[in-house]
Amino acid sequence: MPLSVSRRGGFNYGGMGVLKDSEWGCAMELLSLHLTDHMEDCRVNHSVRSEDVERIGQLAEEVGFRISNPLQSFGKAITPQQWEDLRKIRNSS
């Protein structure tokens, strides 16, 4: 989470949420668009295109979002071994 974003209360997204100080990608996208005054770039009426991903990534970096370290899935850290296993599965298909 960037320092410019604060929340009221200590809520999370339930047992399948995200690790502390993290954010779901969809919320990060919306916050990035809002904080940079680019809500016109919000797209929900078509499939995601690579240029959309690049644009949102640039805006997210601009406001201070970073990729979580460690990577996580459903609120739990992904171990290096799990990541390697996922890479093997992807490369075998």
Protein backbone atom coordinates (compact mmCIF):
# COMPACT_ATOMS: atom_id res chain seq x y z
CA MET A 1 0.00 0.00 0.00
CA PRO A 2 1.32 3.45 -0.80
CA LEU A 3 1.73 5.88 2.08
CA SER A 4 -0.82 8.18 0.44
CA VAL A 5 -3.58 5.62 1.03
CA SER A 6 -5.06 5.21 4.49
CA ARG A 7 -8.04 3.28 5.75
CA ARG A 8 -10.38 3.66 8.66
CA GLY A 9 -10.51 0.58 10.83
CA GLY A 10 -8.51 -2.61 10.66
CA PHE A 11 -10.68 -4.58 8.29
CA ASN A 12 -9.44 -7.26 5.94
CA TYR A 13 -11.19 -9.31 3.30
CA GLY A 14 -11.90 -12.34 5.43
CA GLY A 15 -9.86 -15.51 5.80
CA MET A 16 -9.11 -15.57 2.08
CA GLY A 17 -8.00 -11.93 1.98
CA VAL A 18 -4.58 -10.39 1.49
CA LEU A 19 -1.55 -10.10 3.75
CA LYS A 20 -1.20 -7.05 6.02
CA ASP A 21 -0.48 -3.80 4.16
CA SER A 22 -1.45 -5.41 0.83
CA GLU A 23 -4.33 -4.82 -1.54
CA TRP A 24 -6.31 -6.81 -4.09
CA GLY A 25 -5.33 -6.01 -7.68
CA CYS A 26 -8.80 -4.69 -8.54
CA ALA A 27 -8.79 -2.28 -5.58
CA MET A 28 -5.22 -1.21 -6.45
CA GLU A 29 -6.39 -0.46 -9.98
CA LEU A 30 -9.32 1.67 -8.85
CA LEU A 31 -7.27 3.50 -6.20
CA SER A 32 -4.51 4.21 -8.74
CA LEU A 33 -6.99 5.65 -11.24
CA HIS A 34 -8.65 7.75 -8.55
CA LEU A 35 -5.43 9.07 -6.97
CA THR A 36 -4.04 10.10 -10.36
CA ASP A 37 -7.34 11.63 -11.51
CA HIS A 38 -7.63 9.18 -14.43
CA MET A 39 -11.01 7.59 -13.75
CA GLU A 40 -11.79 7.89 -17.48
CA ASP A 41 -9.27 5.05 -17.96
CA CYS A 42 -11.48 2.68 -15.96
CA ARG A 43 -12.53 -0.08 -18.34
CA VAL A 44 -15.17 -2.66 -17.57
CA ASN A 45 -16.80 -2.99 -20.97
CA HIS A 46 -14.18 -5.01 -22.87
CA SER A 47 -11.57 -7.71 -22.42
CA VAL A 48 -8.35 -6.57 -20.80
CA ARG A 49 -5.74 -5.57 -23.34
CA SER A 50 -1.98 -5.42 -22.80
CA GLU A 51 -2.00 -1.64 -23.14
CA ASP A 52 -4.59 -1.42 -20.34
CA VAL A 53 -2.35 -3.47 -18.07
CA GLU A 54 0.68 -1.32 -18.89
CA ARG A 55 -1.24 1.92 -18.26
CA ILE A 56 -2.60 0.77 -14.90
CA GLY A 57 0.86 -0.50 -13.94
CA GLN A 58 2.38 2.90 -14.65
CA LEU A 59 -0.28 4.70 -12.62
CA ALA A 60 0.05 2.22 -9.75
CA GLU A 61 3.81 2.79 -9.57
CA GLU A 62 3.24 6.54 -9.73
CA VAL A 63 1.13 6.50 -6.56
CA GLY A 64 3.37 4.04 -4.72
CA PHE A 65 1.96 0.54 -5.19
CA ARG A 66 4.59 -2.20 -5.38
CA ILE A 67 4.44 -5.94 -6.03
CA SER A 68 4.13 -7.75 -2.74
CA ASN A 69 7.16 -9.52 -1.38
CA PRO A 70 6.61 -12.33 -0.80
CA LEU A 71 4.08 -13.00 -3.53
CA GLN A 72 0.80 -14.19 -2.10
CA SER A 73 -2.30 -16.12 -2.95
CA PHE A 74 -5.53 -15.91 -0.98
CA GLY A 75 -3.83 -14.13 1.91
CA LYS A 76 -0.95 -16.58 2.30
CA ALA A 77 2.64 -16.11 1.23
CA ILE A 78 3.81 -18.22 -1.71
CA THR A 79 7.01 -20.02 -0.81
CA PRO A 80 9.89 -20.17 -3.30
CA GLN A 81 9.18 -23.90 -3.75
CA GLN A 82 5.50 -23.29 -4.53
CA TRP A 83 6.51 -20.62 -7.06
CA GLU A 84 8.95 -23.01 -8.72
CA ASP A 85 6.28 -25.73 -8.85
CA LEU A 86 3.87 -23.27 -10.53
CA ARG A 87 6.53 -22.33 -13.08
CA LYS A 88 7.13 -26.03 -13.89
CA ILE A 89 3.41 -26.62 -14.42
CA ARG A 90 3.15 -23.58 -16.69
CA ASN A 91 6.23 -24.53 -18.71
CA SER A 92 5.01 -28.11 -19.22
CA SER A 93 1.73 -27.04 -20.83
